[in-house]
Amino acid sequence: MSVYLHDIPLPEALARLESALADAGQYGKAIAQYHKALQINPYYPKAYNNLGFALVKQGKVEESIAQFLKALQLDPGDYETLSNLGVALIMQNRHEEAIEYLSEAVALNPNFAKAHNNLGVALNRQGRTQEAIEHYSSALQLDPEFAEAYNNLGVALANQGRFEEAIQQFSAALKIYPGYENARRNLEKSLTDKDAQQSQK
């Protein structure tokens, strides 16, 4: 049985790093550079944050969590790092912990659309679908061009059997990003599920 597919976008600073290191092989070099920077200045929280991201891209999620925590020891109010840590915890299916950090990120910066989206993902995976919908909606109010949030809102609505509304969200995601494969698959599934739902009436 197919399932609907969530997406967790990269924070802007990390997206810039990904762009600069488009070749996946460059992440190893980035990690080495961050380690050197931290040897010179071990009190630079953004370096720990970016090191954590580079480790995530290499699949070293547990190591990345340690770096995000070091960054937060130096700067507990860095809402971007809190959100990044939440994403890493989601990747390990540690959703309750993720909700804690992501809720803190949203409390520190209620206008941080990506944190709302990521919190929605963690909540939805814990079965707290209505709360997830509220955070996806907040993300979209803050950033109406946020394709991943449309997709994730569609997933939550589909999980509630609200396929017509889900179809609208997946279509909106595809309008923003026509090559969005997960949204396309989710749209196809929601159309099929809507037909199946109607045939049972």
C-alpha atoms as a PDB file:
ATOM      1  CA  MET A   1       0.000   0.000   0.000  1.00  0.00           C
ATOM      2  CA  SER A   2       1.363   3.388  -0.963  1.00  0.00           C
ATOM      3  CA  VAL A   3       1.637   6.177   1.575  1.00  0.00           C
ATOM      4  CA  TYR A   4       1.616   9.954   1.359  1.00  0.00           C
ATOM      5  CA  LEU A   5       5.047  11.575   1.372  1.00  0.00           C
ATOM      6  CA  HIS A   6       6.066  14.431   3.690  1.00  0.00           C
ATOM      7  CA  ASP A   7       8.883  16.850   2.940  1.00  0.00           C
ATOM      8  CA  ILE A   8      11.147  18.825   5.282  1.00  0.00           C
ATOM      9  CA  PRO A   9      12.789  21.766   3.505  1.00  0.00           C
ATOM     10  CA  LEU A  10      16.219  23.081   4.384  1.00  0.00           C
ATOM     11  CA  PRO A  11      16.556  26.260   6.407  1.00  0.00           C
ATOM     12  CA  GLU A  12      17.695  29.171   4.228  1.00  0.00           C
ATOM     13  CA  ALA A  13      21.270  29.358   5.533  1.00  0.00           C
ATOM     14  CA  LEU A  14      21.705  25.649   5.029  1.00  0.00           C
ATOM     15  CA  ALA A  15      20.076  25.760   1.634  1.00  0.00           C
ATOM     16  CA  ARG A  16      22.757  28.242   0.604  1.00  0.00           C
ATOM     17  CA  LEU A  17      25.392  25.812   1.840  1.00  0.00           C
ATOM     18  CA  GLU A  18      23.791  22.987  -0.140  1.00  0.00           C
ATOM     19  CA  SER A  19      23.817  25.156  -3.245  1.00  0.00           C
ATOM     20  CA  ALA A  20      27.487  25.956  -2.768  1.00  0.00           C
ATOM     21  CA  LEU A  21      28.257  22.284  -2.270  1.00  0.00           C
ATOM     22  CA  ALA A  22      25.976  20.860  -4.917  1.00  0.00           C
ATOM     23  CA  ASP A  23      28.375  18.004  -5.498  1.00  0.00           C
ATOM     24  CA  ALA A  24      27.667  15.625  -2.601  1.00  0.00           C
ATOM     25  CA  GLY A  25      31.352  14.787  -2.414  1.00  0.00           C
ATOM     26  CA  GLN A  26      32.048  18.322  -1.245  1.00  0.00           C
ATOM     27  CA  TYR A  27      30.407  17.758   2.134  1.00  0.00           C
ATOM     28  CA  GLY A  28      33.461  15.916   3.365  1.00  0.00           C
ATOM     29  CA  LYS A  29      35.555  18.973   2.563  1.00  0.00           C
ATOM     30  CA  ALA A  30      33.015  21.218   4.274  1.00  0.00           C
ATOM     31  CA  ILE A  31      33.182  19.096   7.428  1.00  0.00           C
ATOM     32  CA  ALA A  32      36.964  19.356   7.475  1.00  0.00           C
ATOM     33  CA  GLN A  33      36.757  23.129   7.030  1.00  0.00           C
ATOM     34  CA  TYR A  34      34.262  23.502   9.867  1.00  0.00           C
ATOM     35  CA  HIS A  35      36.456  21.401  12.159  1.00  0.00           C
ATOM     36  CA  LYS A  36      39.405  23.677  11.349  1.00  0.00           C
ATOM     37  CA  ALA A  37      37.304  26.776  12.003  1.00  0.00           C
ATOM     38  CA  LEU A  38      36.200  25.380  15.354  1.00  0.00           C
ATOM     39  CA  GLN A  39      39.790  24.621  16.330  1.00  0.00           C
ATOM     40  CA  ILE A  40      40.518  28.310  15.817  1.00  0.00           C
ATOM     41  CA  ASN A  41      37.317  29.475  17.495  1.00  0.00           C
ATOM     42  CA  PRO A  42      35.464  26.786  19.484  1.00  0.00           C
ATOM     43  CA  TYR A  43      32.834  29.333  20.547  1.00  0.00           C
ATOM     44  CA  TYR A  44      31.252  29.893  17.123  1.00  0.00           C
ATOM     45  CA  PRO A  45      27.717  28.443  17.246  1.00  0.00           C
ATOM     46  CA  LYS A  46      26.976  28.898  13.525  1.00  0.00           C
ATOM     47  CA  ALA A  47      29.961  26.706  12.665  1.00  0.00           C
ATOM     48  CA  TYR A  48      28.554  23.900  14.831  1.00  0.00           C
ATOM     49  CA  ASN A  49      25.183  24.431  13.193  1.00  0.00           C
ATOM     50  CA  ASN A  50      26.579  24.207   9.650  1.00  0.00           C
ATOM     51  CA  LEU A  51      28.790  21.277  10.619  1.00  0.00           C
ATOM     52  CA  GLY A  52      25.675  19.506  11.850  1.00  0.00           C
ATOM     53  CA  PHE A  53      23.990  20.098   8.514  1.00  0.00           C
ATOM     54  CA  ALA A  54      26.951  18.775   6.541  1.00  0.00           C
ATOM     55  CA  LEU A  55      26.903  15.646   8.708  1.00  0.00           C
ATOM     56  CA  VAL A  56      23.194  15.177   8.022  1.00  0.00           C
ATOM     57  CA  LYS A  57      23.928  15.270   4.298  1.00  0.00           C
ATOM     58  CA  GLN A  58      26.419  12.447   4.795  1.00  0.00           C
ATOM     59  CA  GLY A  59      23.831  10.425   6.686  1.00  0.00           C
ATOM     60  CA  LYS A  60      25.567  10.938  10.022  1.00  0.00           C
ATOM     61  CA  VAL A  61      22.458  12.096  11.823  1.00  0.00           C
ATOM     62  CA  GLU A  62      23.512  11.115  15.347  1.00  0.00           C
ATOM     63  CA  GLU A  63      26.745  13.071  14.972  1.00  0.00           C
ATOM     64  CA  SER A  64      24.818  16.028  13.589  1.00  0.00           C
ATOM     65  CA  ILE A  65      22.589  16.094  16.667  1.00  0.00           C
ATOM     66  CA  ALA A  66      25.667  16.406  18.877  1.00  0.00           C
ATOM     67  CA  GLN A  67      26.818  19.426  16.854  1.00  0.00           C
ATOM     68  CA  PHE A  68      23.429  21.125  16.993  1.00  0.00           C
ATOM     69  CA  LEU A  69      23.392  20.630  20.764  1.00  0.00           C
ATOM     70  CA  LYS A  70      26.850  22.216  21.030  1.00  0.00           C
ATOM     71  CA  ALA A  71      25.578  25.191  19.039  1.00  0.00           C
ATOM     72  CA  LEU A  72      22.632  25.538  21.396  1.00  0.00           C
ATOM     73  CA  GLN A  73      24.867  25.418  24.447  1.00  0.00           C
ATOM     74  CA  LEU A  74      26.545  28.540  23.071  1.00  0.00           C
ATOM     75  CA  ASP A  75      23.386  30.200  21.764  1.00  0.00           C
ATOM     76  CA  PRO A  76      20.219  28.706  23.319  1.00  0.00           C
ATOM     77  CA  GLY A  77      18.014  31.230  21.571  1.00  0.00           C
ATOM     78  CA  ASP A  78      19.037  30.358  18.015  1.00  0.00           C
ATOM     79  CA  TYR A  79      15.692  29.350  16.564  1.00  0.00           C
ATOM     80  CA  GLU A  80      17.261  28.119  13.295  1.00  0.00           C
ATOM     81  CA  THR A  81      19.479  25.649  15.164  1.00  0.00           C
ATOM     82  CA  LEU A  82      16.496  24.531  17.262  1.00  0.00           C
ATOM     83  CA  SER A  83      14.618  23.842  14.050  1.00  0.00           C
ATOM     84  CA  ASN A  84      17.587  22.015  12.521  1.00  0.00           C
ATOM     85  CA  LEU A  85      17.877  19.828  15.602  1.00  0.00           C
ATOM     86  CA  GLY A  86      14.176  19.102  15.362  1.00  0.00           C
ATOM     87  CA  VAL A  87      14.596  17.978  11.755  1.00  0.00           C
ATOM     88  CA  ALA A  88      17.479  15.661  12.687  1.00  0.00           C
ATOM     89  CA  LEU A  89      15.362  14.143  15.452  1.00  0.00           C
ATOM     90  CA  ILE A  90      12.479  13.612  13.011  1.00  0.00           C
ATOM     91  CA  MET A  91      14.923  11.734  10.776  1.00  0.00           C
ATOM     92  CA  GLN A  92      15.567   9.394  13.715  1.00  0.00           C
ATOM     93  CA  ASN A  93      11.842   9.030  14.444  1.00  0.00           C
ATOM     94  CA  ARG A  94      12.352  10.773  17.791  1.00  0.00           C
ATOM     95  CA  HIS A  95       9.211  12.796  17.286  1.00  0.00           C
ATOM     96  CA  GLU A  96       8.410  13.802  20.862  1.00  0.00           C
ATOM     97  CA  GLU A  97      11.868  15.290  21.269  1.00  0.00           C
ATOM     98  CA  ALA A  98      11.556  16.977  17.892  1.00  0.00           C
ATOM     99  CA  ILE A  99       8.247  18.544  18.922  1.00  0.00           C
ATOM    100  CA  GLU A 100       9.891  19.973  22.036  1.00  0.00           C
ATOM    101  CA  TYR A 101      12.693  21.717  20.127  1.00  0.00           C
ATOM    102  CA  LEU A 102      10.514  22.818  17.227  1.00  0.00           C
ATOM    103  CA  SER A 103       7.902  24.242  19.590  1.00  0.00           C
ATOM    104  CA  GLU A 104      10.658  26.263  21.206  1.00  0.00           C
ATOM    105  CA  ALA A 105      11.802  27.518  17.798  1.00  0.00           C
ATOM    106  CA  VAL A 106       8.262  28.643  16.962  1.00  0.00           C
ATOM    107  CA  ALA A 107       7.886  30.307  20.376  1.00  0.00           C
ATOM    108  CA  LEU A 108      11.124  32.234  19.847  1.00  0.00           C
ATOM    109  CA  ASN A 109      10.198  33.269  16.316  1.00  0.00           C
ATOM    110  CA  PRO A 110       6.491  32.849  15.455  1.00  0.00           C
ATOM    111  CA  ASN A 111       7.261  34.157  11.952  1.00  0.00           C
ATOM    112  CA  PHE A 112       9.651  31.309  11.105  1.00  0.00           C
ATOM    113  CA  ALA A 113       7.648  29.455   8.469  1.00  0.00           C
ATOM    114  CA  LYS A 114      10.014  26.490   8.155  1.00  0.00           C
ATOM    115  CA  ALA A 115       9.816  25.767  11.883  1.00  0.00           C
ATOM    116  CA  HIS A 116       6.009  25.729  11.680  1.00  0.00           C
ATOM    117  CA  ASN A 117       6.224  23.298   8.774  1.00  0.00           C
ATOM    118  CA  ASN A 118       8.733  21.040  10.495  1.00  0.00           C
ATOM    119  CA  LEU A 119       6.688  21.056  13.704  1.00  0.00           C
ATOM    120  CA  GLY A 120       3.696  20.064  11.616  1.00  0.00           C
ATOM    121  CA  VAL A 121       5.606  17.059  10.258  1.00  0.00           C
ATOM    122  CA  ALA A 122       6.555  15.883  13.762  1.00  0.00           C
ATOM    123  CA  LEU A 123       3.011  16.360  15.053  1.00  0.00           C
ATOM    124  CA  ASN A 124       1.445  14.567  12.086  1.00  0.00           C
ATOM    125  CA  ARG A 125       3.746  11.593  12.563  1.00  0.00           C
ATOM    126  CA  GLN A 126       2.543  11.411  16.166  1.00  0.00           C
ATOM    127  CA  GLY A 127      -1.063  11.289  15.002  1.00  0.00           C
ATOM    128  CA  ARG A 128      -1.731  14.871  16.108  1.00  0.00           C
ATOM    129  CA  THR A 129      -3.123  15.724  12.696  1.00  0.00           C
ATOM    130  CA  GLN A 130      -5.276  18.721  13.546  1.00  0.00           C
ATOM    131  CA  GLU A 131      -2.382  20.437  15.320  1.00  0.00           C
ATOM    132  CA  ALA A 132      -0.196  19.674  12.317  1.00  0.00           C
ATOM    133  CA  ILE A 133      -2.755  21.291  10.004  1.00  0.00           C
ATOM    134  CA  GLU A 134      -2.692  24.440  12.129  1.00  0.00           C
ATOM    135  CA  HIS A 135       1.095  24.726  11.848  1.00  0.00           C
ATOM    136  CA  TYR A 136       1.136  24.018   8.111  1.00  0.00           C
ATOM    137  CA  SER A 137      -1.505  26.716   7.694  1.00  0.00           C
ATOM    138  CA  SER A 138       0.624  29.126   9.747  1.00  0.00           C
ATOM    139  CA  ALA A 139       3.609  28.341   7.544  1.00  0.00           C
ATOM    140  CA  LEU A 140       1.580  29.141   4.438  1.00  0.00           C
ATOM    141  CA  GLN A 141       0.247  32.387   5.878  1.00  0.00           C
ATOM    142  CA  LEU A 142       3.843  33.433   6.463  1.00  0.00           C
ATOM    143  CA  ASP A 143       5.121  32.135   3.118  1.00  0.00           C
ATOM    144  CA  PRO A 144       2.433  31.637   0.434  1.00  0.00           C
ATOM    145  CA  GLU A 145       5.069  30.206  -1.958  1.00  0.00           C
ATOM    146  CA  PHE A 146       6.084  27.409   0.424  1.00  0.00           C
ATOM    147  CA  ALA A 147       5.583  24.351  -1.790  1.00  0.00           C
ATOM    148  CA  GLU A 148       6.592  21.790   0.857  1.00  0.00           C
ATOM    149  CA  ALA A 149       4.041  23.185   3.308  1.00  0.00           C
ATOM    150  CA  TYR A 150       1.268  22.833   0.704  1.00  0.00           C
ATOM    151  CA  ASN A 151       2.349  19.243   0.146  1.00  0.00           C
ATOM    152  CA  ASN A 152       2.473  18.470   3.862  1.00  0.00           C
ATOM    153  CA  LEU A 153      -0.891  20.129   4.490  1.00  0.00           C
ATOM    154  CA  GLY A 154      -2.273  17.966   1.723  1.00  0.00           C
ATOM    155  CA  VAL A 155      -0.871  14.867   3.442  1.00  0.00           C
ATOM    156  CA  ALA A 156      -2.538  15.799   6.718  1.00  0.00           C
ATOM    157  CA  LEU A 157      -5.868  16.489   5.028  1.00  0.00           C
ATOM    158  CA  ALA A 158      -5.682  13.212   3.108  1.00  0.00           C
ATOM    159  CA  ASN A 159      -5.015  11.390   6.377  1.00  0.00           C
ATOM    160  CA  GLN A 160      -8.336  12.812   7.591  1.00  0.00           C
ATOM    161  CA  GLY A 161     -10.097  11.585   4.464  1.00  0.00           C
ATOM    162  CA  ARG A 162     -10.487  15.153   3.167  1.00  0.00           C
ATOM    163  CA  PHE A 163      -9.305  14.265  -0.312  1.00  0.00           C
ATOM    164  CA  GLU A 164     -10.862  17.173  -2.216  1.00  0.00           C
ATOM    165  CA  GLU A 165      -9.037  19.657   0.023  1.00  0.00           C
ATOM    166  CA  ALA A 166      -5.842  17.578  -0.185  1.00  0.00           C
ATOM    167  CA  ILE A 167      -5.985  17.653  -3.986  1.00  0.00           C
ATOM    168  CA  GLN A 168      -6.116  21.462  -3.862  1.00  0.00           C
ATOM    169  CA  GLN A 169      -2.992  21.579  -1.700  1.00  0.00           C
ATOM    170  CA  PHE A 170      -0.988  19.156  -3.841  1.00  0.00           C
ATOM    171  CA  SER A 171      -2.036  21.098  -6.946  1.00  0.00           C
ATOM    172  CA  ALA A 172      -0.880  24.338  -5.310  1.00  0.00           C
ATOM    173  CA  ALA A 173       2.498  22.771  -4.546  1.00  0.00           C
ATOM    174  CA  LEU A 174       2.870  21.676  -8.154  1.00  0.00           C
ATOM    175  CA  LYS A 175       1.903  25.111  -9.442  1.00  0.00           C
ATOM    176  CA  ILE A 176       4.823  26.575  -7.480  1.00  0.00           C
ATOM    177  CA  TYR A 177       7.211  23.737  -8.304  1.00  0.00           C
ATOM    178  CA  PRO A 178       6.088  21.717 -11.358  1.00  0.00           C
ATOM    179  CA  GLY A 179       8.897  19.191 -10.893  1.00  0.00           C
ATOM    180  CA  TYR A 180       7.858  18.343  -7.327  1.00  0.00           C
ATOM    181  CA  GLU A 181       7.783  14.533  -7.505  1.00  0.00           C
ATOM    182  CA  ASN A 182       6.373  13.819  -4.045  1.00  0.00           C
ATOM    183  CA  ALA A 183       3.517  16.268  -4.587  1.00  0.00           C
ATOM    184  CA  ARG A 184       2.773  14.668  -7.959  1.00  0.00           C
ATOM    185  CA  ARG A 185       2.656  11.195  -6.403  1.00  0.00           C
ATOM    186  CA  ASN A 186       0.515  12.451  -3.544  1.00  0.00           C
ATOM    187  CA  LEU A 187      -1.876  14.110  -5.998  1.00  0.00           C
ATOM    188  CA  GLU A 188      -2.242  10.869  -7.957  1.00  0.00           C
ATOM    189  CA  LYS A 189      -2.872   8.904  -4.765  1.00  0.00           C
ATOM    190  CA  SER A 190      -5.410  11.414  -3.453  1.00  0.00           C
ATOM    191  CA  LEU A 191      -7.340  11.293  -6.737  1.00  0.00           C
ATOM    192  CA  THR A 192      -7.451   7.505  -6.501  1.00  0.00           C
ATOM    193  CA  ASP A 193      -8.456   7.589  -2.840  1.00  0.00           C
ATOM    194  CA  LYS A 194     -11.165  10.175  -3.547  1.00  0.00           C
ATOM    195  CA  ASP A 195     -12.678   7.913  -6.237  1.00  0.00           C
ATOM    196  CA  ALA A 196     -12.555   4.945  -3.855  1.00  0.00           C
ATOM    197  CA  GLN A 197     -14.221   7.022  -1.124  1.00  0.00           C
ATOM    198  CA  GLN A 198     -17.019   8.125  -3.456  1.00  0.00           C
ATOM    199  CA  SER A 199     -17.607   4.585  -4.727  1.00  0.00           C
ATOM    200  CA  GLN A 200     -18.319   3.456  -1.164  1.00  0.00           C
ATOM    201  CA  LYS A 201     -21.125   5.998  -0.692  1.00  0.00           C
END
